Amino acid sequence: MLAALGLLTSFFSFLYVVAPSIRKFFAGGVCRTNVQLPGKVVVITGANTGIGKETARELARRGARVYIACRDVLKGESAASEIRADTKNSQVLVRKLDLSDTKSIRAFAEGFLAEEKQLHVLINNAGVMMCPYSKTADGFETHLGVNHLGHFLLTYLLLERLKVSAPARVVNVSSVVHHVGNIHFHDLQSEKRYSRSFAYCHSKLANVLFTRELAKRLQGTGVTTYAVHPGIVRSELVRHSSLLCLLWRLFSPFVKTAREGAQTSLHCALAEGLEPLSGKYFSDCKRTWVSPRARNNKTAERLWNVSCELLGIQWE
């Protein structure tokens, strides 16, 4: 018993000593560009918390006019107030956007387009993860509706403003779990079979496929697009899973902070010379491998067409 306690004590002592090195290793890449953004306009969804908030903070620090587009306006105003105080940039604005309701998405876009003549960066950051089965206001399974279709429609509605502001960028926050995702066209709304974990993975694959097809259709417009894996980040995204909340606490030395998780989004929004890599997938601020399903052009094109049908739009 004493020997076991001694080993346990030694193990935790070792972890304590090496924790700083572990944290540094798992922190991942860092956005190193010095690009400044005075006069530039940025929209970030879900920027009232987590990596979206830290992305907004850094872009505001660089002088951009930043729109925090989020469902909870009170949390958004609190985040904006904090960012304004921290960056001394008064141009951090909050607007209501509920990605689970196409009426809200259209209302946000209408208001933004009336307010702003330019848009240089759109970061589709918001998302839900491992929700119990539910549907959006428009009848879409929640992961598909919020993580994919909501951002698909938002990008469609703001695209002309991005084009007239070119060079411009669209950054789609995906995840490494897209590797285990699949697009089940015969059961896109998961009505026949539902898994909270796999529904999230499927929606993250949809993000990568959307980025791939969008890049193809934007060639020659001056608008480029990138999908990113932020890393395993300590955030509110795991709130629907008690197990993940516990694991995040137990393995906190291996989990990125929100600021660290924001680095790849910032890299894809800011780094010079990324234009030839439009449509690609990034992790730790560098291009990385995607799953075979995420490279399937026929699936990407079919998902695009099905998404347009579901949303009642024509996007050629």
C-alpha atoms as a PDB file:
ATOM      1  CA  MET A   1       0.000   0.000   0.000  1.00  0.00           C
ATOM      2  CA  LEU A   2       2.778   2.382   0.977  1.00  0.00           C
ATOM      3  CA  ALA A   3       4.687   1.453  -2.158  1.00  0.00           C
ATOM      4  CA  ALA A   4       1.612   2.217  -4.309  1.00  0.00           C
ATOM      5  CA  LEU A   5       1.143   5.574  -2.589  1.00  0.00           C
ATOM      6  CA  GLY A   6       4.803   6.328  -3.152  1.00  0.00           C
ATOM      7  CA  LEU A   7       4.528   5.542  -6.848  1.00  0.00           C
ATOM      8  CA  LEU A   8       1.403   7.650  -7.162  1.00  0.00           C
ATOM      9  CA  THR A   9       3.053  10.567  -5.391  1.00  0.00           C
ATOM     10  CA  SER A  10       6.111  10.255  -7.630  1.00  0.00           C
ATOM     11  CA  PHE A  11       3.902  10.166 -10.742  1.00  0.00           C
ATOM     12  CA  PHE A  12       2.018  13.340  -9.849  1.00  0.00           C
ATOM     13  CA  SER A  13       5.248  15.047  -8.811  1.00  0.00           C
ATOM     14  CA  PHE A  14       6.673  14.173 -12.211  1.00  0.00           C
ATOM     15  CA  LEU A  15       3.579  15.550 -13.952  1.00  0.00           C
ATOM     16  CA  TYR A  16       3.877  18.777 -11.951  1.00  0.00           C
ATOM     17  CA  VAL A  17       7.509  19.202 -12.972  1.00  0.00           C
ATOM     18  CA  VAL A  18       6.952  18.475 -16.668  1.00  0.00           C
ATOM     19  CA  ALA A  19       3.557  20.233 -16.938  1.00  0.00           C
ATOM     20  CA  PRO A  20       5.033  23.451 -18.439  1.00  0.00           C
ATOM     21  CA  SER A  21       6.763  21.437 -21.172  1.00  0.00           C
ATOM     22  CA  ILE A  22       3.598  19.448 -21.831  1.00  0.00           C
ATOM     23  CA  ARG A  23       1.560  22.657 -22.112  1.00  0.00           C
ATOM     24  CA  LYS A  24       4.064  24.160 -24.529  1.00  0.00           C
ATOM     25  CA  PHE A  25       3.986  21.048 -26.727  1.00  0.00           C
ATOM     26  CA  PHE A  26       0.198  20.846 -26.891  1.00  0.00           C
ATOM     27  CA  ALA A  27      -0.278  24.605 -27.331  1.00  0.00           C
ATOM     28  CA  GLY A  28       0.305  24.100 -31.051  1.00  0.00           C
ATOM     29  CA  GLY A  29       1.087  26.655 -33.728  1.00  0.00           C
ATOM     30  CA  VAL A  30       1.089  30.412 -33.327  1.00  0.00           C
ATOM     31  CA  CYS A  31      -0.085  33.033 -35.823  1.00  0.00           C
ATOM     32  CA  ARG A  32       3.086  35.040 -36.399  1.00  0.00           C
ATOM     33  CA  THR A  33       2.020  37.556 -39.032  1.00  0.00           C
ATOM     34  CA  ASN A  34       2.224  41.238 -38.124  1.00  0.00           C
ATOM     35  CA  VAL A  35      -0.562  42.276 -40.519  1.00  0.00           C
ATOM     36  CA  GLN A  36      -2.609  45.210 -39.222  1.00  0.00           C
ATOM     37  CA  LEU A  37      -6.290  45.746 -40.094  1.00  0.00           C
ATOM     38  CA  PRO A  38      -7.243  49.425 -39.909  1.00  0.00           C
ATOM     39  CA  GLY A  39     -10.301  50.034 -42.085  1.00  0.00           C
ATOM     40  CA  LYS A  40     -11.038  46.317 -42.433  1.00  0.00           C
ATOM     41  CA  VAL A  41     -14.394  44.790 -41.477  1.00  0.00           C
ATOM     42  CA  VAL A  42     -14.713  41.354 -39.880  1.00  0.00           C
ATOM     43  CA  VAL A  43     -17.709  39.208 -38.922  1.00  0.00           C
ATOM     44  CA  ILE A  44     -17.193  36.356 -36.446  1.00  0.00           C
ATOM     45  CA  THR A  45     -20.029  34.049 -35.456  1.00  0.00           C
ATOM     46  CA  GLY A  46     -20.171  32.840 -31.867  1.00  0.00           C
ATOM     47  CA  ALA A  47     -17.553  35.364 -30.770  1.00  0.00           C
ATOM     48  CA  ASN A  48     -19.145  35.975 -27.381  1.00  0.00           C
ATOM     49  CA  THR A  49     -17.132  33.128 -25.857  1.00  0.00           C
ATOM     50  CA  GLY A  50     -14.258  30.690 -26.387  1.00  0.00           C
ATOM     51  CA  ILE A  51     -12.005  30.781 -29.421  1.00  0.00           C
ATOM     52  CA  GLY A  52     -14.375  33.120 -31.251  1.00  0.00           C
ATOM     53  CA  LYS A  53     -13.974  35.705 -28.498  1.00  0.00           C
ATOM     54  CA  GLU A  54     -10.186  35.389 -28.553  1.00  0.00           C
ATOM     55  CA  THR A  55     -10.188  35.660 -32.349  1.00  0.00           C
ATOM     56  CA  ALA A  56     -12.269  38.825 -32.079  1.00  0.00           C
ATOM     57  CA  ARG A  57      -9.917  40.213 -29.438  1.00  0.00           C
ATOM     58  CA  GLU A  58      -6.833  39.774 -31.605  1.00  0.00           C
ATOM     59  CA  LEU A  59      -8.442  41.165 -34.756  1.00  0.00           C
ATOM     60  CA  ALA A  60      -9.719  44.162 -32.785  1.00  0.00           C
ATOM     61  CA  ARG A  61      -6.203  44.648 -31.399  1.00  0.00           C
ATOM     62  CA  ARG A  62      -4.994  44.873 -34.984  1.00  0.00           C
ATOM     63  CA  GLY A  63      -7.466  47.668 -35.711  1.00  0.00           C
ATOM     64  CA  ALA A  64     -10.348  45.884 -37.448  1.00  0.00           C
ATOM     65  CA  ARG A  65     -13.993  46.802 -37.097  1.00  0.00           C
ATOM     66  CA  VAL A  66     -15.301  43.565 -35.583  1.00  0.00           C
ATOM     67  CA  TYR A  67     -18.874  42.300 -35.546  1.00  0.00           C
ATOM     68  CA  ILE A  68     -19.644  39.728 -32.870  1.00  0.00           C
ATOM     69  CA  ALA A  69     -22.564  37.770 -34.334  1.00  0.00           C
ATOM     70  CA  CYS A  70     -24.144  35.634 -31.631  1.00  0.00           C
ATOM     71  CA  ARG A  71     -27.403  34.304 -30.255  1.00  0.00           C
ATOM     72  CA  ASP A  72     -26.951  35.616 -26.699  1.00  0.00           C
ATOM     73  CA  VAL A  73     -26.691  39.381 -27.122  1.00  0.00           C
ATOM     74  CA  LEU A  74     -26.117  40.022 -23.408  1.00  0.00           C
ATOM     75  CA  LYS A  75     -23.080  37.719 -23.389  1.00  0.00           C
ATOM     76  CA  GLY A  76     -22.006  39.316 -26.636  1.00  0.00           C
ATOM     77  CA  GLU A  77     -22.165  42.811 -25.155  1.00  0.00           C
ATOM     78  CA  SER A  78     -20.180  41.643 -22.124  1.00  0.00           C
ATOM     79  CA  ALA A  79     -17.496  40.166 -24.391  1.00  0.00           C
ATOM     80  CA  ALA A  80     -17.440  43.263 -26.598  1.00  0.00           C
ATOM     81  CA  SER A  81     -17.062  45.559 -23.586  1.00  0.00           C
ATOM     82  CA  GLU A  82     -14.135  43.470 -22.340  1.00  0.00           C
ATOM     83  CA  ILE A  83     -12.475  43.475 -25.776  1.00  0.00           C
ATOM     84  CA  ARG A  84     -12.967  47.224 -26.245  1.00  0.00           C
ATOM     85  CA  ALA A  85     -11.363  47.904 -22.870  1.00  0.00           C
ATOM     86  CA  ASP A  86      -8.496  45.490 -23.559  1.00  0.00           C
ATOM     87  CA  THR A  87      -7.685  46.637 -27.097  1.00  0.00           C
ATOM     88  CA  LYS A  88      -8.700  50.307 -26.888  1.00  0.00           C
ATOM     89  CA  ASN A  89     -10.665  49.684 -30.098  1.00  0.00           C
ATOM     90  CA  SER A  90     -14.198  51.080 -29.856  1.00  0.00           C
ATOM     91  CA  GLN A  91     -15.233  49.406 -33.118  1.00  0.00           C
ATOM     92  CA  VAL A  92     -16.335  46.093 -31.603  1.00  0.00           C
ATOM     93  CA  LEU A  93     -20.034  45.647 -32.271  1.00  0.00           C
ATOM     94  CA  VAL A  94     -22.619  43.031 -31.343  1.00  0.00           C
ATOM     95  CA  ARG A  95     -25.464  41.841 -33.526  1.00  0.00           C
ATOM     96  CA  LYS A  96     -28.064  39.145 -32.968  1.00  0.00           C
ATOM     97  CA  LEU A  97     -27.567  35.939 -34.964  1.00  0.00           C
ATOM     98  CA  ASP A  98     -29.250  32.615 -34.249  1.00  0.00           C
ATOM     99  CA  LEU A  99     -27.838  30.032 -36.648  1.00  0.00           C
ATOM    100  CA  SER A 100     -30.630  27.614 -35.786  1.00  0.00           C
ATOM    101  CA  ASP A 101     -33.187  29.917 -37.423  1.00  0.00           C
ATOM    102  CA  THR A 102     -32.906  30.991 -41.071  1.00  0.00           C
ATOM    103  CA  LYS A 103     -35.125  34.017 -40.358  1.00  0.00           C
ATOM    104  CA  SER A 104     -32.553  35.241 -37.849  1.00  0.00           C
ATOM    105  CA  ILE A 105     -29.718  34.596 -40.309  1.00  0.00           C
ATOM    106  CA  ARG A 106     -31.488  36.586 -43.012  1.00  0.00           C
ATOM    107  CA  ALA A 107     -32.292  39.395 -40.568  1.00  0.00           C
ATOM    108  CA  PHE A 108     -28.651  39.593 -39.488  1.00  0.00           C
ATOM    109  CA  ALA A 109     -27.427  39.680 -43.089  1.00  0.00           C
ATOM    110  CA  GLU A 110     -29.990  42.328 -44.069  1.00  0.00           C
ATOM    111  CA  GLY A 111     -28.981  44.528 -41.152  1.00  0.00           C
ATOM    112  CA  PHE A 112     -25.261  44.079 -41.759  1.00  0.00           C
ATOM    113  CA  LEU A 113     -25.516  44.845 -45.482  1.00  0.00           C
ATOM    114  CA  ALA A 114     -27.464  48.021 -44.688  1.00  0.00           C
ATOM    115  CA  GLU A 115     -24.757  49.034 -42.201  1.00  0.00           C
ATOM    116  CA  GLU A 116     -21.545  48.109 -43.985  1.00  0.00           C
ATOM    117  CA  LYS A 117     -20.329  48.612 -47.530  1.00  0.00           C
ATOM    118  CA  GLN A 118     -17.413  46.225 -47.103  1.00  0.00           C
ATOM    119  CA  LEU A 119     -16.600  42.856 -45.552  1.00  0.00           C
ATOM    120  CA  HIS A 120     -13.054  41.573 -45.621  1.00  0.00           C
ATOM    121  CA  VAL A 121     -13.133  38.531 -43.341  1.00  0.00           C
ATOM    122  CA  LEU A 122     -15.985  36.191 -42.422  1.00  0.00           C
ATOM    123  CA  ILE A 123     -15.139  33.637 -39.743  1.00  0.00           C
ATOM    124  CA  ASN A 124     -17.774  30.913 -39.394  1.00  0.00           C
ATOM    125  CA  ASN A 125     -16.806  29.955 -35.868  1.00  0.00           C
ATOM    126  CA  ALA A 126     -20.001  29.183 -33.926  1.00  0.00           C
ATOM    127  CA  GLY A 127     -21.138  25.635 -33.364  1.00  0.00           C
ATOM    128  CA  VAL A 128     -22.910  23.079 -31.221  1.00  0.00           C
ATOM    129  CA  MET A 129     -21.547  19.733 -30.065  1.00  0.00           C
ATOM    130  CA  MET A 130     -23.088  16.471 -28.861  1.00  0.00           C
ATOM    131  CA  CYS A 131     -26.597  17.857 -28.357  1.00  0.00           C
ATOM    132  CA  PRO A 132     -29.504  15.563 -27.544  1.00  0.00           C
ATOM    133  CA  TYR A 133     -31.570  14.998 -30.677  1.00  0.00           C
ATOM    134  CA  SER A 134     -33.455  18.134 -31.637  1.00  0.00           C
ATOM    135  CA  LYS A 135     -34.336  20.164 -34.692  1.00  0.00           C
ATOM    136  CA  THR A 136     -33.839  23.784 -35.638  1.00  0.00           C
ATOM    137  CA  ALA A 137     -36.658  26.243 -36.277  1.00  0.00           C
ATOM    138  CA  ASP A 138     -36.614  25.100 -39.907  1.00  0.00           C
ATOM    139  CA  GLY A 139     -36.723  21.378 -39.129  1.00  0.00           C
ATOM    140  CA  PHE A 140     -33.042  20.536 -39.634  1.00  0.00           C
ATOM    141  CA  GLU A 141     -31.177  18.235 -37.245  1.00  0.00           C
ATOM    142  CA  THR A 142     -29.405  20.661 -34.917  1.00  0.00           C
ATOM    143  CA  HIS A 143     -25.752  19.804 -35.687  1.00  0.00           C
ATOM    144  CA  LEU A 144     -26.379  19.881 -39.426  1.00  0.00           C
ATOM    145  CA  GLY A 145     -28.582  22.968 -39.191  1.00  0.00           C
ATOM    146  CA  VAL A 146     -26.296  25.106 -37.024  1.00  0.00           C
ATOM    147  CA  ASN A 147     -22.790  23.914 -37.880  1.00  0.00           C
ATOM    148  CA  HIS A 148     -23.283  23.518 -41.619  1.00  0.00           C
ATOM    149  CA  LEU A 149     -26.510  24.899 -43.075  1.00  0.00           C
ATOM    150  CA  GLY A 150     -26.570  28.030 -40.922  1.00  0.00           C
ATOM    151  CA  HIS A 151     -23.092  29.051 -42.006  1.00  0.00           C
ATOM    152  CA  PHE A 152     -23.763  27.956 -45.582  1.00  0.00           C
ATOM    153  CA  LEU A 153     -26.703  30.374 -45.759  1.00  0.00           C
ATOM    154  CA  LEU A 154     -24.841  33.180 -43.979  1.00  0.00           C
ATOM    155  CA  THR A 155     -21.926  32.915 -46.404  1.00  0.00           C
ATOM    156  CA  TYR A 156     -24.321  32.929 -49.359  1.00  0.00           C
ATOM    157  CA  LEU A 157     -26.042  36.089 -48.104  1.00  0.00           C
ATOM    158  CA  LEU A 158     -22.767  37.952 -47.458  1.00  0.00           C
ATOM    159  CA  LEU A 159     -20.779  36.712 -50.455  1.00  0.00           C
ATOM    160  CA  GLU A 160     -21.366  39.659 -52.794  1.00  0.00           C
ATOM    161  CA  ARG A 161     -20.124  42.032 -50.097  1.00  0.00           C
ATOM    162  CA  LEU A 162     -17.006  39.888 -49.721  1.00  0.00           C
ATOM    163  CA  LYS A 163     -16.444  39.963 -53.477  1.00  0.00           C
ATOM    164  CA  VAL A 164     -16.633  43.755 -53.735  1.00  0.00           C
ATOM    165  CA  SER A 165     -14.187  43.984 -50.820  1.00  0.00           C
ATOM    166  CA  ALA A 166     -11.644  41.559 -52.298  1.00  0.00           C
ATOM    167  CA  PRO A 167      -9.112  40.429 -51.359  1.00  0.00           C
ATOM    168  CA  ALA A 168     -11.336  38.809 -48.744  1.00  0.00           C
ATOM    169  CA  ARG A 169     -11.436  35.542 -46.825  1.00  0.00           C
ATOM    170  CA  VAL A 170     -13.904  33.036 -45.402  1.00  0.00           C
ATOM    171  CA  VAL A 171     -12.654  30.859 -42.540  1.00  0.00           C
ATOM    172  CA  ASN A 172     -14.707  27.809 -41.554  1.00  0.00           C
ATOM    173  CA  VAL A 173     -13.976  26.261 -38.161  1.00  0.00           C
ATOM    174  CA  SER A 174     -14.120  22.486 -38.540  1.00  0.00           C
ATOM    175  CA  SER A 175     -12.441  19.751 -36.478  1.00  0.00           C
ATOM    176  CA  VAL A 176     -10.115  16.773 -36.705  1.00  0.00           C
ATOM    177  CA  VAL A 177     -13.161  14.597 -35.958  1.00  0.00           C
ATOM    178  CA  HIS A 178     -14.254  15.119 -39.561  1.00  0.00           C
ATOM    179  CA  HIS A 179     -12.059  12.043 -40.154  1.00  0.00           C
ATOM    180  CA  VAL A 180     -14.773   9.829 -38.651  1.00  0.00           C
ATOM    181  CA  GLY A 181     -17.650  11.779 -40.184  1.00  0.00           C
ATOM    182  CA  ASN A 182     -19.771  10.711 -43.126  1.00  0.00           C
ATOM    183  CA  ILE A 183     -22.493  12.358 -45.201  1.00  0.00           C
ATOM    184  CA  HIS A 184     -25.538  10.067 -45.158  1.00  0.00           C
ATOM    185  CA  PHE A 185     -27.627  11.568 -47.938  1.00  0.00           C
ATOM    186  CA  HIS A 186     -30.339   8.960 -47.340  1.00  0.00           C
ATOM    187  CA  ASP A 187     -30.709  10.154 -43.731  1.00  0.00           C
ATOM    188  CA  LEU A 188     -29.247  13.658 -43.626  1.00  0.00           C
ATOM    189  CA  GLN A 189     -31.496  14.711 -40.728  1.00  0.00           C
ATOM    190  CA  SER A 190     -30.572  11.600 -38.668  1.00  0.00           C
ATOM    191  CA  GLU A 191     -34.230  10.628 -38.329  1.00  0.00           C
ATOM    192  CA  LYS A 192     -33.561   6.906 -38.781  1.00  0.00           C
ATOM    193  CA  ARG A 193     -30.482   6.697 -36.603  1.00  0.00           C
ATOM    194  CA  TYR A 194     -28.930   9.291 -34.304  1.00  0.00           C
ATOM    195  CA  SER A 195     -25.702   9.470 -32.347  1.00  0.00           C
ATOM    196  CA  ARG A 196     -24.787  12.712 -30.596  1.00  0.00           C
ATOM    197  CA  SER A 197     -21.092  12.110 -31.164  1.00  0.00           C
ATOM    198  CA  PHE A 198     -21.325  11.120 -34.818  1.00  0.00           C
ATOM    199  CA  ALA A 199     -23.794  13.902 -35.644  1.00  0.00           C
ATOM    200  CA  TYR A 200     -21.100  16.388 -34.639  1.00  0.00           C
ATOM    201  CA  CYS A 201     -18.465  14.548 -36.690  1.00  0.00           C
ATOM    202  CA  HIS A 202     -20.729  14.517 -39.751  1.00  0.00           C
ATOM    203  CA  SER A 203     -21.309  18.275 -39.480  1.00  0.00           C
ATOM    204  CA  LYS A 204     -17.554  18.925 -39.237  1.00  0.00           C
ATOM    205  CA  LEU A 205     -17.004  16.881 -42.396  1.00  0.00           C
ATOM    206  CA  ALA A 206     -19.679  19.039 -44.030  1.00  0.00           C
ATOM    207  CA  ASN A 207     -17.627  22.128 -43.081  1.00  0.00           C
ATOM    208  CA  VAL A 208     -14.554  20.764 -44.877  1.00  0.00           C
ATOM    209  CA  LEU A 209     -16.544  19.746 -47.955  1.00  0.00           C
ATOM    210  CA  PHE A 210     -18.255  23.155 -48.047  1.00  0.00           C
ATOM    211  CA  THR A 211     -14.841  24.860 -47.930  1.00  0.00           C
ATOM    212  CA  ARG A 212     -13.555  22.673 -50.754  1.00  0.00           C
ATOM    213  CA  GLU A 213     -16.518  23.346 -53.047  1.00  0.00           C
ATOM    214  CA  LEU A 214     -16.700  27.042 -52.142  1.00  0.00           C
ATOM    215  CA  ALA A 215     -13.044  27.525 -53.096  1.00  0.00           C
ATOM    216  CA  LYS A 216     -13.678  25.950 -56.496  1.00  0.00           C
ATOM    217  CA  ARG A 217     -16.610  28.265 -57.162  1.00  0.00           C
ATOM    218  CA  LEU A 218     -14.749  31.374 -55.966  1.00  0.00           C
ATOM    219  CA  GLN A 219     -11.761  31.017 -58.270  1.00  0.00           C
ATOM    220  CA  GLY A 220     -10.895  34.350 -59.843  1.00  0.00           C
ATOM    221  CA  THR A 221     -13.062  36.429 -57.485  1.00  0.00           C
ATOM    222  CA  GLY A 222     -10.350  37.453 -55.025  1.00  0.00           C
ATOM    223  CA  VAL A 223     -12.209  35.684 -52.202  1.00  0.00           C
ATOM    224  CA  THR A 224     -10.468  32.673 -50.694  1.00  0.00           C
ATOM    225  CA  THR A 225     -11.593  30.189 -48.067  1.00  0.00           C
ATOM    226  CA  TYR A 226     -10.006  27.847 -45.531  1.00  0.00           C
ATOM    227  CA  ALA A 227     -11.153  25.153 -43.096  1.00  0.00           C
ATOM    228  CA  VAL A 228      -9.432  24.917 -39.725  1.00  0.00           C
ATOM    229  CA  HIS A 229      -9.051  22.508 -36.831  1.00  0.00           C
ATOM    230  CA  PRO A 230      -8.528  24.666 -33.731  1.00  0.00           C
ATOM    231  CA  GLY A 231      -7.240  21.790 -31.616  1.00  0.00           C
ATOM    232  CA  ILE A 232      -8.658  20.283 -28.447  1.00  0.00           C
ATOM    233  CA  VAL A 233      -9.745  23.463 -26.713  1.00  0.00           C
ATOM    234  CA  ARG A 234     -11.080  24.196 -23.249  1.00  0.00           C
ATOM    235  CA  SER A 235     -14.424  25.817 -24.083  1.00  0.00           C
ATOM    236  CA  GLU A 236     -18.170  25.767 -23.504  1.00  0.00           C
ATOM    237  CA  LEU A 237     -18.642  23.589 -26.590  1.00  0.00           C
ATOM    238  CA  VAL A 238     -18.470  20.383 -24.529  1.00  0.00           C
ATOM    239  CA  ARG A 239     -21.208  21.478 -22.091  1.00  0.00           C
ATOM    240  CA  HIS A 240     -23.640  18.805 -23.364  1.00  0.00           C
ATOM    241  CA  SER A 241     -21.257  15.977 -22.402  1.00  0.00           C
ATOM    242  CA  SER A 242     -20.541  15.376 -18.709  1.00  0.00           C
ATOM    243  CA  LEU A 243     -17.859  12.865 -19.682  1.00  0.00           C
ATOM    244  CA  LEU A 244     -15.992  15.335 -21.880  1.00  0.00           C
ATOM    245  CA  CYS A 245     -16.264  18.039 -19.204  1.00  0.00           C
ATOM    246  CA  LEU A 246     -14.617  15.639 -16.747  1.00  0.00           C
ATOM    247  CA  LEU A 247     -11.932  14.565 -19.216  1.00  0.00           C
ATOM    248  CA  TRP A 248     -11.153  18.182 -20.075  1.00  0.00           C
ATOM    249  CA  ARG A 249     -10.516  18.846 -16.362  1.00  0.00           C
ATOM    250  CA  LEU A 250      -8.428  15.713 -15.827  1.00  0.00           C
ATOM    251  CA  PHE A 251      -6.272  16.314 -18.876  1.00  0.00           C
ATOM    252  CA  SER A 252      -6.091  20.097 -18.698  1.00  0.00           C
ATOM    253  CA  PRO A 253      -2.292  20.112 -19.348  1.00  0.00           C
ATOM    254  CA  PHE A 254      -3.028  18.642 -22.774  1.00  0.00           C
ATOM    255  CA  VAL A 255      -5.949  20.932 -23.659  1.00  0.00           C
ATOM    256  CA  LYS A 256      -5.490  24.269 -25.404  1.00  0.00           C
ATOM    257  CA  THR A 257      -6.695  27.525 -23.956  1.00  0.00           C
ATOM    258  CA  ALA A 258      -9.166  29.531 -26.036  1.00  0.00           C
ATOM    259  CA  ARG A 259      -6.370  31.905 -27.035  1.00  0.00           C
ATOM    260  CA  GLU A 260      -4.237  29.010 -28.256  1.00  0.00           C
ATOM    261  CA  GLY A 261      -7.219  27.520 -30.060  1.00  0.00           C
ATOM    262  CA  ALA A 262      -7.789  30.780 -31.935  1.00  0.00           C
ATOM    263  CA  GLN A 263      -4.342  30.796 -33.552  1.00  0.00           C
ATOM    264  CA  THR A 264      -5.163  28.773 -36.680  1.00  0.00           C
ATOM    265  CA  SER A 265      -8.295  30.822 -37.380  1.00  0.00           C
ATOM    266  CA  LEU A 266      -6.136  33.956 -37.069  1.00  0.00           C
ATOM    267  CA  HIS A 267      -3.473  32.475 -39.325  1.00  0.00           C
ATOM    268  CA  CYS A 268      -5.999  31.715 -42.067  1.00  0.00           C
ATOM    269  CA  ALA A 269      -7.596  35.142 -41.711  1.00  0.00           C
ATOM    270  CA  LEU A 270      -4.326  37.095 -41.752  1.00  0.00           C
ATOM    271  CA  ALA A 271      -1.288  35.284 -43.129  1.00  0.00           C
ATOM    272  CA  GLU A 272       0.108  36.570 -46.404  1.00  0.00           C
ATOM    273  CA  GLY A 273       0.470  34.248 -49.367  1.00  0.00           C
ATOM    274  CA  LEU A 274      -2.270  31.761 -48.507  1.00  0.00           C
ATOM    275  CA  GLU A 275      -4.312  32.418 -51.655  1.00  0.00           C
ATOM    276  CA  PRO A 276      -2.961  29.385 -53.590  1.00  0.00           C
ATOM    277  CA  LEU A 277      -4.142  27.194 -50.694  1.00  0.00           C
ATOM    278  CA  SER A 278      -7.782  28.240 -50.887  1.00  0.00           C
ATOM    279  CA  GLY A 279     -10.065  25.327 -50.050  1.00  0.00           C
ATOM    280  CA  LYS A 280      -7.458  23.567 -47.928  1.00  0.00           C
ATOM    281  CA  TYR A 281      -7.592  22.425 -44.305  1.00  0.00           C
ATOM    282  CA  PHE A 282      -5.291  23.797 -41.606  1.00  0.00           C
ATOM    283  CA  SER A 283      -4.241  22.736 -38.117  1.00  0.00           C
ATOM    284  CA  ASP A 284      -1.645  24.389 -35.865  1.00  0.00           C
ATOM    285  CA  CYS A 285      -1.235  27.167 -38.443  1.00  0.00           C
ATOM    286  CA  LYS A 286      -0.194  24.898 -41.284  1.00  0.00           C
ATOM    287  CA  ARG A 287      -1.887  22.929 -44.018  1.00  0.00           C
ATOM    288  CA  THR A 288      -2.591  19.359 -43.002  1.00  0.00           C
ATOM    289  CA  TRP A 289      -4.133  16.111 -44.226  1.00  0.00           C
ATOM    290  CA  VAL A 290      -7.868  15.578 -44.585  1.00  0.00           C
ATOM    291  CA  SER A 291      -9.827  12.334 -44.730  1.00  0.00           C
ATOM    292  CA  PRO A 292     -10.516  10.610 -48.074  1.00  0.00           C
ATOM    293  CA  ARG A 293     -14.223  11.521 -47.674  1.00  0.00           C
ATOM    294  CA  ALA A 294     -13.254  15.180 -47.307  1.00  0.00           C
ATOM    295  CA  ARG A 295     -11.406  15.010 -50.652  1.00  0.00           C
ATOM    296  CA  ASN A 296     -14.373  13.590 -52.564  1.00  0.00           C
ATOM    297  CA  ASN A 297     -15.369  16.214 -55.112  1.00  0.00           C
ATOM    298  CA  LYS A 298     -18.606  14.445 -56.045  1.00  0.00           C
ATOM    299  CA  THR A 299     -19.728  14.367 -52.408  1.00  0.00           C
ATOM    300  CA  ALA A 300     -18.802  18.038 -51.998  1.00  0.00           C
ATOM    301  CA  GLU A 301     -20.813  19.036 -55.061  1.00  0.00           C
ATOM    302  CA  ARG A 302     -23.795  16.895 -54.070  1.00  0.00           C
ATOM    303  CA  LEU A 303     -23.789  18.314 -50.524  1.00  0.00           C
ATOM    304  CA  TRP A 304     -23.711  21.819 -52.011  1.00  0.00           C
ATOM    305  CA  ASN A 305     -26.729  21.114 -54.198  1.00  0.00           C
ATOM    306  CA  VAL A 306     -28.683  19.404 -51.410  1.00  0.00           C
ATOM    307  CA  SER A 307     -27.891  22.304 -49.048  1.00  0.00           C
ATOM    308  CA  CYS A 308     -29.253  24.778 -51.585  1.00  0.00           C
ATOM    309  CA  GLU A 309     -32.432  22.720 -51.934  1.00  0.00           C
ATOM    310  CA  LEU A 310     -32.937  22.523 -48.168  1.00  0.00           C
ATOM    311  CA  LEU A 311     -32.442  26.269 -47.795  1.00  0.00           C
ATOM    312  CA  GLY A 312     -34.473  27.202 -50.861  1.00  0.00           C
ATOM    313  CA  ILE A 313     -31.671  29.141 -52.542  1.00  0.00           C
ATOM    314  CA  GLN A 314     -29.945  29.092 -55.940  1.00  0.00           C
ATOM    315  CA  TRP A 315     -26.192  29.379 -55.635  1.00  0.00           C
ATOM    316  CA  GLU A 316     -24.339  28.653 -58.830  1.00  0.00           C
END
